[in-house]
Amino acid sequence: QVQLVESGGGLVQAGGSLRLSCAASGIIFSIYSMGWYRQAPGKERELVATITSGGITNYADSVKGRFTISRDNAKNTVFLQMNSLRDDDTGVYFCRANRFGYVINYWGKGTLVTVSS
């Protein structure tokens, strides 16, 4: 019933850019905090960026200044603009939705980003 569908991944050369999208359905999107996480080959899933229902953002140190998270509540969509990509940005990027104070997290299936150098 709840669906988070990521799109926008692909193969890009180092220094290039990609814009990821996550379209949500089955939730009241405007009251949920949203986030992007990634999992590199052989590594654990890690936080990339989050944005609260009020628009407050948080970023992993490794992506600060390069990535921007944003949301469009009218379209039930969260975005991740990725610039100056490096080969260590490679991984599967997952979208997450969470309502503050609640235990349930919803996850998308992920979209693959491959950065070549």
Protein backbone atom coordinates (compact mmCIF):
# COMPACT_ATOMS: atom_id res chain seq x y z
CA GLN A 1 0.00 0.00 0.00
CA VAL A 2 2.82 2.41 0.89
CA GLN A 3 5.19 2.85 -2.02
CA LEU A 4 8.45 4.75 -2.42
CA VAL A 5 9.80 4.58 -5.96
CA GLU A 6 13.28 5.90 -6.73
CA SER A 7 14.44 6.94 -10.17
CA GLY A 8 17.31 8.80 -11.81
CA GLY A 9 20.23 6.49 -11.15
CA GLY A 10 22.68 5.46 -13.81
CA LEU A 11 26.27 5.50 -14.99
CA VAL A 12 28.13 8.81 -14.84
CA GLN A 13 31.75 9.89 -15.09
CA ALA A 14 33.57 11.40 -12.12
CA GLY A 15 32.84 15.10 -11.86
CA GLY A 16 29.40 14.71 -13.38
CA SER A 17 25.93 15.14 -11.92
CA LEU A 18 22.76 13.14 -11.36
CA ARG A 19 19.36 14.03 -9.94
CA LEU A 20 17.52 11.31 -8.05
CA SER A 21 13.78 11.37 -7.42
CA CYS A 22 11.61 9.45 -4.97
CA ALA A 23 7.86 9.45 -5.52
CA ALA A 24 5.76 8.49 -2.50
CA SER A 25 2.23 7.19 -2.31
CA GLY A 26 0.06 5.78 0.47
CA ILE A 27 1.24 8.29 3.11
CA ILE A 28 0.42 11.87 4.04
CA PHE A 29 3.67 13.03 2.51
CA SER A 30 3.75 16.55 3.95
CA ILE A 31 4.03 15.35 7.57
CA TYR A 32 6.84 12.85 6.94
CA SER A 33 10.56 13.35 7.22
CA MET A 34 12.35 12.04 4.14
CA GLY A 35 15.86 10.80 3.62
CA TRP A 36 18.35 9.35 1.21
CA TYR A 37 20.69 6.52 2.16
CA ARG A 38 23.22 4.59 0.14
CA GLN A 39 24.98 1.27 0.25
CA ALA A 40 28.30 0.79 -1.49
CA PRO A 41 29.46 -2.68 -2.53
CA GLY A 42 30.57 -4.62 0.53
CA LYS A 43 29.60 -1.78 2.89
CA GLU A 44 26.76 -1.06 5.31
CA ARG A 45 23.94 1.31 4.44
CA GLU A 46 24.75 4.89 5.43
CA LEU A 47 22.92 8.18 5.75
CA VAL A 48 23.36 10.61 2.87
CA ALA A 49 20.84 13.38 3.60
CA THR A 50 17.56 14.03 5.38
CA ILE A 51 14.88 16.69 5.21
CA THR A 52 12.17 17.21 7.82
CA SER A 53 8.55 18.06 7.14
CA GLY A 54 9.52 21.67 7.91
CA GLY A 55 12.40 21.71 5.43
CA ILE A 56 15.36 21.36 7.80
CA THR A 57 18.19 19.46 6.09
CA ASN A 58 21.08 17.36 7.29
CA TYR A 59 23.97 15.88 5.30
CA ALA A 60 26.73 13.39 5.74
CA ASP A 61 30.10 15.13 5.93
CA SER A 62 31.27 13.34 2.79
CA VAL A 63 28.58 14.97 0.62
CA LYS A 64 28.29 18.46 2.12
CA GLY A 65 28.68 21.11 -0.55
CA ARG A 66 28.10 18.61 -3.35
CA PHE A 67 24.62 17.15 -2.73
CA THR A 68 21.31 18.92 -2.11
CA ILE A 69 18.13 17.33 -0.78
CA SER A 70 14.79 18.99 -1.47
CA ARG A 71 11.10 18.14 -1.47
CA ASP A 72 7.98 19.09 -3.40
CA ASN A 73 4.98 18.35 -1.20
CA ALA A 74 2.54 19.10 -4.00
CA LYS A 75 4.08 16.25 -5.99
CA ASN A 76 4.78 13.89 -3.05
CA THR A 77 8.39 13.75 -4.19
CA VAL A 78 11.82 14.14 -2.61
CA PHE A 79 14.92 14.85 -4.70
CA LEU A 80 18.66 14.46 -4.35
CA GLN A 81 20.77 16.64 -6.61
CA MET A 82 24.27 15.17 -6.79
CA ASN A 83 27.10 17.25 -8.23
CA SER A 84 30.86 16.73 -8.49
CA LEU A 85 30.39 12.99 -8.23
CA ARG A 86 33.31 10.82 -7.16
CA ASP A 87 33.87 7.12 -7.60
CA ASP A 88 33.30 6.59 -3.87
CA ASP A 89 29.73 7.87 -4.35
CA THR A 90 28.97 4.62 -6.16
CA GLY A 91 26.23 2.53 -4.59
CA VAL A 92 22.55 1.79 -4.39
CA TYR A 93 20.62 4.84 -3.21
CA PHE A 94 17.51 4.26 -1.11
CA CYS A 95 14.64 6.58 -0.25
CA ARG A 96 13.22 6.50 3.31
CA ALA A 97 10.09 8.00 4.86
CA ASN A 98 9.53 8.40 8.60
CA ARG A 99 6.98 10.16 10.75
CA PHE A 100 8.60 11.77 13.76
CA GLY A 101 7.84 9.89 16.98
CA TYR A 102 6.70 6.75 15.20
CA VAL A 103 8.61 3.48 14.92
CA ILE A 104 7.84 2.63 11.30
CA ASN A 105 10.24 3.46 8.49
CA TYR A 106 9.26 2.98 4.87
CA TRP A 107 11.91 2.18 2.28
CA GLY A 108 12.11 2.18 -1.47
CA LYS A 109 13.80 -0.57 -3.45
CA GLY A 110 16.76 1.60 -4.45
CA THR A 111 18.33 2.98 -7.59
CA LEU A 112 21.90 2.22 -8.66
CA VAL A 113 24.43 5.00 -9.11
CA THR A 114 27.75 4.07 -10.70
CA VAL A 115 30.52 6.66 -10.96
CA SER A 116 33.44 5.83 -13.21
CA SER A 117 36.86 7.46 -13.17
